[in-house]
């Protein structure tokens, strides 16, 4: 979700992927990215929503996620793998 920080992205994503009974929607678990554990949240507000030099950093975040960088510097926490 562009415009939200990492924590809100993660929280809101968890909320919208559940039905009224608190179960994940069936279609969600059928997606290949979900089955393979390749769903990520990032700080859209910092890296993608503003026209600034941080757009370049955002491209770096996407590259890390898309190319399977196993971890990141703990002090930076630029993305997180979404596990449901």
Protein backbone atom coordinates (compact mmCIF):
# COMPACT_ATOMS: atom_id res chain seq x y z
CA UNK A 1 0.00 0.00 0.00
CA UNK A 2 1.65 3.20 -1.11
CA UNK A 3 1.55 6.01 1.39
CA UNK A 4 1.75 3.90 4.56
CA UNK A 5 4.73 3.09 6.71
CA UNK A 6 5.95 -0.48 7.08
CA UNK A 7 4.00 -1.28 10.24
CA UNK A 8 0.70 0.02 8.86
CA UNK A 9 1.21 -1.78 5.56
CA UNK A 10 1.73 -5.03 7.41
CA UNK A 11 -1.26 -4.52 9.75
CA UNK A 12 -3.68 -3.38 7.04
CA UNK A 13 -2.67 -6.20 4.71
CA UNK A 14 -3.43 -8.75 7.41
CA UNK A 15 -6.84 -7.14 8.02
CA UNK A 16 -8.00 -7.03 4.42
CA UNK A 17 -6.99 -10.63 3.72
CA UNK A 18 -9.35 -12.03 6.35
CA UNK A 19 -13.06 -12.59 6.16
CA UNK A 20 -15.53 -11.71 8.92
CA UNK A 21 -14.81 -14.99 10.74
CA UNK A 22 -11.10 -14.19 10.93
CA UNK A 23 -10.08 -16.77 8.32
CA UNK A 24 -7.90 -16.00 5.33
CA UNK A 25 -9.73 -15.83 2.03
CA UNK A 26 -9.30 -19.05 0.06
CA UNK A 27 -8.11 -17.25 -3.07
CA UNK A 28 -5.20 -15.73 -1.12
CA UNK A 29 -3.57 -19.04 -0.23
CA UNK A 30 -3.92 -20.20 -3.83
CA UNK A 31 -1.60 -17.48 -5.16
CA UNK A 32 1.82 -18.81 -6.12
CA UNK A 33 3.66 -15.96 -4.37
CA UNK A 34 1.83 -16.76 -1.14
CA UNK A 35 2.54 -20.48 -1.41
CA UNK A 36 6.21 -19.73 -2.10
CA UNK A 37 6.52 -17.20 0.74
CA UNK A 38 7.23 -14.28 -1.59
CA UNK A 39 4.86 -11.61 -0.26
CA UNK A 40 6.51 -8.54 1.22
CA UNK A 41 5.58 -5.27 2.84
CA UNK A 42 7.64 -2.12 2.52
CA UNK A 43 7.48 1.48 3.65
CA UNK A 44 5.55 2.96 0.75
CA UNK A 45 5.46 6.38 2.36
CA UNK A 46 9.24 6.58 2.52
CA UNK A 47 10.23 4.88 -0.72
CA UNK A 48 7.47 5.25 -3.29
CA UNK A 49 4.98 8.05 -2.56
CA UNK A 50 7.16 11.12 -2.85
CA UNK A 51 9.15 12.41 -5.81
CA UNK A 52 12.60 12.49 -4.23
CA UNK A 53 15.96 10.75 -4.17
CA UNK A 54 14.36 8.05 -2.02
CA UNK A 55 12.67 6.66 -5.12
CA UNK A 56 16.11 5.32 -6.01
CA UNK A 57 16.29 3.68 -2.59
CA UNK A 58 12.83 2.23 -3.28
CA UNK A 59 14.16 0.63 -6.44
CA UNK A 60 16.88 -0.93 -4.30
CA UNK A 61 14.23 -2.32 -1.94
CA UNK A 62 12.37 -3.85 -4.89
CA UNK A 63 15.61 -5.33 -6.22
CA UNK A 64 16.38 -6.92 -2.84
CA UNK A 65 12.93 -8.47 -2.64
CA UNK A 66 12.74 -9.58 -6.27
CA UNK A 67 16.19 -11.14 -6.29
CA UNK A 68 15.80 -12.97 -3.02
CA UNK A 69 18.18 -11.11 -0.73
CA UNK A 70 17.88 -13.30 2.35
CA UNK A 71 18.29 -10.54 4.94
CA UNK A 72 18.87 -6.86 5.40
CA UNK A 73 20.72 -4.66 7.84
CA UNK A 74 18.68 -4.82 11.06
CA UNK A 75 19.09 -1.08 11.61
CA UNK A 76 17.37 -0.30 8.30
CA UNK A 77 14.30 -2.58 8.24
CA UNK A 78 13.23 -1.46 4.76
CA UNK A 79 10.98 -4.45 4.06
CA UNK A 80 9.54 -7.47 5.75
CA UNK A 81 8.31 -10.82 4.50
CA UNK A 82 4.60 -11.13 5.14
CA UNK A 83 3.72 -14.41 6.77
CA UNK A 84 0.10 -15.28 7.41
